[in-house]
Structures are given as structure tokens and as C-alpha cells.
Amino acid sequence: MLDTVVNKLRSYRKYQETYRELSRLSTRELADLGISRGEISNVARKATL
């Protein structure tokens, strides 16, 4: 059970870090990566899988 909690915390931190980094990029930089601003949350969520 403790492993599950630890893994969820790690995933959440990874999500936050990815979301924060992508949010800092300009719209142009995101477009170069093929990401729109509205997709940042989904991309960050996928990064935790």
C-alpha cells in the first residue's frame, strides 16, 4: 500500500513538473513541438504513464 502512495506522489510531481515546463514555453515553441496550449494538461498526464 505504501508503494502505491509513493508511486502516486511521484506521478503527481512528474505531472506538475512537466505541466510547469510546458506552460513556460511560448505558443510558437509549443507549436514547434506539435502541442497547443489546450493540450498541455493531457501531454503532462501522458508523461506520467
N, C-alpha and C. Protein backbone atom coordinates (compact mmCIF):
# COMPACT_ATOMS: atom_id res chain seq x y z
N MET A 1 0.83 -1.20 0.00
CA MET A 1 0.00 0.00 0.00
C MET A 1 0.87 1.26 0.00
N LEU A 2 1.91 1.24 0.79
CA LEU A 2 2.81 2.40 0.83
C LEU A 2 3.44 2.64 -0.53
N ASP A 3 3.76 1.55 -1.23
CA ASP A 3 4.32 1.69 -2.58
C ASP A 3 3.37 2.41 -3.51
N THR A 4 2.08 2.11 -3.39
CA THR A 4 1.07 2.75 -4.23
C THR A 4 1.03 4.25 -3.97
N VAL A 5 1.05 4.63 -2.71
CA VAL A 5 1.02 6.05 -2.34
C VAL A 5 2.27 6.76 -2.87
N VAL A 6 3.42 6.14 -2.69
CA VAL A 6 4.68 6.73 -3.14
C VAL A 6 4.67 6.88 -4.67
N ASN A 7 4.20 5.86 -5.36
CA ASN A 7 4.13 5.94 -6.84
C ASN A 7 3.18 7.03 -7.29
N LYS A 8 2.05 7.19 -6.62
CA LYS A 8 1.10 8.25 -6.99
C LYS A 8 1.71 9.63 -6.75
N LEU A 9 2.44 9.79 -5.66
CA LEU A 9 3.10 11.07 -5.38
C LEU A 9 4.15 11.37 -6.44
N ARG A 10 4.92 10.37 -6.83
CA ARG A 10 5.93 10.57 -7.87
C ARG A 10 5.28 10.96 -9.19
N SER A 11 4.19 10.29 -9.52
CA SER A 11 3.48 10.61 -10.76
C SER A 11 2.95 12.03 -10.73
N TYR A 12 2.39 12.43 -9.60
CA TYR A 12 1.84 13.77 -9.48
C TYR A 12 2.94 14.82 -9.61
N ARG A 13 4.09 14.57 -9.00
CA ARG A 13 5.21 15.50 -9.10
C ARG A 13 5.71 15.60 -10.54
N LYS A 14 5.77 14.46 -11.22
CA LYS A 14 6.18 14.45 -12.62
C LYS A 14 5.19 15.25 -13.47
N TYR A 15 3.90 15.07 -13.19
CA TYR A 15 2.86 15.82 -13.89
C TYR A 15 3.07 17.32 -13.68
N GLN A 16 3.24 17.72 -12.43
CA GLN A 16 3.42 19.15 -12.12
C GLN A 16 4.64 19.72 -12.82
N GLU A 17 5.73 18.99 -12.79
CA GLU A 17 6.97 19.46 -13.40
C GLU A 17 6.80 19.61 -14.91
N THR A 18 6.22 18.61 -15.55
CA THR A 18 6.01 18.66 -16.99
C THR A 18 5.06 19.79 -17.36
N TYR A 19 3.96 19.93 -16.61
CA TYR A 19 2.98 20.98 -16.86
C TYR A 19 3.64 22.36 -16.75
N ARG A 20 4.42 22.54 -15.70
CA ARG A 20 5.09 23.82 -15.46
C ARG A 20 6.07 24.15 -16.59
N GLU A 21 6.86 23.16 -17.00
CA GLU A 21 7.83 23.39 -18.06
C GLU A 21 7.16 23.72 -19.39
N LEU A 22 6.10 22.99 -19.72
CA LEU A 22 5.40 23.27 -20.98
C LEU A 22 4.69 24.62 -20.93
N SER A 23 4.18 24.99 -19.78
CA SER A 23 3.48 26.27 -19.64
C SER A 23 4.42 27.45 -19.84
N ARG A 24 5.68 27.26 -19.55
CA ARG A 24 6.66 28.34 -19.69
C ARG A 24 7.03 28.61 -21.15
N LEU A 25 6.75 27.64 -22.02
CA LEU A 25 7.09 27.81 -23.42
C LEU A 25 6.13 28.78 -24.10
N SER A 26 6.64 29.44 -25.12
CA SER A 26 5.78 30.34 -25.89
C SER A 26 4.86 29.50 -26.77
N THR A 27 3.83 30.15 -27.28
CA THR A 27 2.89 29.47 -28.18
C THR A 27 3.63 28.95 -29.41
N ARG A 28 4.58 29.71 -29.88
CA ARG A 28 5.39 29.31 -31.05
C ARG A 28 6.22 28.06 -30.75
N GLU A 29 6.84 28.05 -29.58
CA GLU A 29 7.65 26.88 -29.20
C GLU A 29 6.78 25.64 -29.04
N LEU A 30 5.61 25.82 -28.46
CA LEU A 30 4.68 24.70 -28.33
C LEU A 30 4.26 24.19 -29.71
N ALA A 31 3.99 25.11 -30.62
CA ALA A 31 3.59 24.72 -31.98
C ALA A 31 4.70 23.93 -32.66
N ASP A 32 5.94 24.32 -32.42
CA ASP A 32 7.07 23.59 -32.99
C ASP A 32 7.10 22.15 -32.49
N LEU A 33 6.60 21.94 -31.28
CA LEU A 33 6.53 20.59 -30.70
C LEU A 33 5.25 19.86 -31.09
N GLY A 34 4.35 20.58 -31.76
CA GLY A 34 3.08 19.99 -32.16
C GLY A 34 2.07 19.94 -31.03
N ILE A 35 2.19 20.88 -30.10
CA ILE A 35 1.31 20.94 -28.93
C ILE A 35 0.62 22.29 -28.90
N SER A 36 -0.68 22.29 -28.65
CA SER A 36 -1.37 23.56 -28.44
C SER A 36 -1.46 23.81 -26.94
N ARG A 37 -1.71 25.04 -26.57
CA ARG A 37 -1.78 25.38 -25.15
C ARG A 37 -2.85 24.56 -24.42
N GLY A 38 -3.94 24.27 -25.10
CA GLY A 38 -5.02 23.50 -24.51
C GLY A 38 -4.68 22.03 -24.28
N GLU A 39 -3.62 21.56 -24.89
CA GLU A 39 -3.22 20.17 -24.76
C GLU A 39 -2.18 19.93 -23.67
N ILE A 40 -1.69 20.98 -23.05
CA ILE A 40 -0.61 20.85 -22.07
C ILE A 40 -0.98 19.87 -20.96
N SER A 41 -2.16 19.97 -20.43
CA SER A 41 -2.58 19.09 -19.34
C SER A 41 -2.57 17.63 -19.77
N ASN A 42 -3.09 17.36 -20.97
CA ASN A 42 -3.10 15.98 -21.46
C ASN A 42 -1.71 15.44 -21.71
N VAL A 43 -0.84 16.27 -22.28
CA VAL A 43 0.53 15.85 -22.55
C VAL A 43 1.26 15.57 -21.22
N ALA A 44 1.06 16.43 -20.24
CA ALA A 44 1.70 16.24 -18.94
C ALA A 44 1.18 14.97 -18.27
N ARG A 45 -0.10 14.70 -18.42
CA ARG A 45 -0.68 13.48 -17.84
C ARG A 45 -0.09 12.24 -18.50
N LYS A 46 0.06 12.28 -19.81
CA LYS A 46 0.62 11.14 -20.53
C LYS A 46 2.09 10.91 -20.15
N ALA A 47 2.79 11.97 -19.79
CA ALA A 47 4.20 11.85 -19.40
C ALA A 47 4.37 11.06 -18.10
N THR A 48 3.31 10.96 -17.33
CA THR A 48 3.40 10.25 -16.05
C THR A 48 3.14 8.77 -16.19
N LEU A 49 2.71 8.33 -17.35
CA LEU A 49 2.41 6.91 -17.55
C LEU A 49 3.64 6.09 -17.77
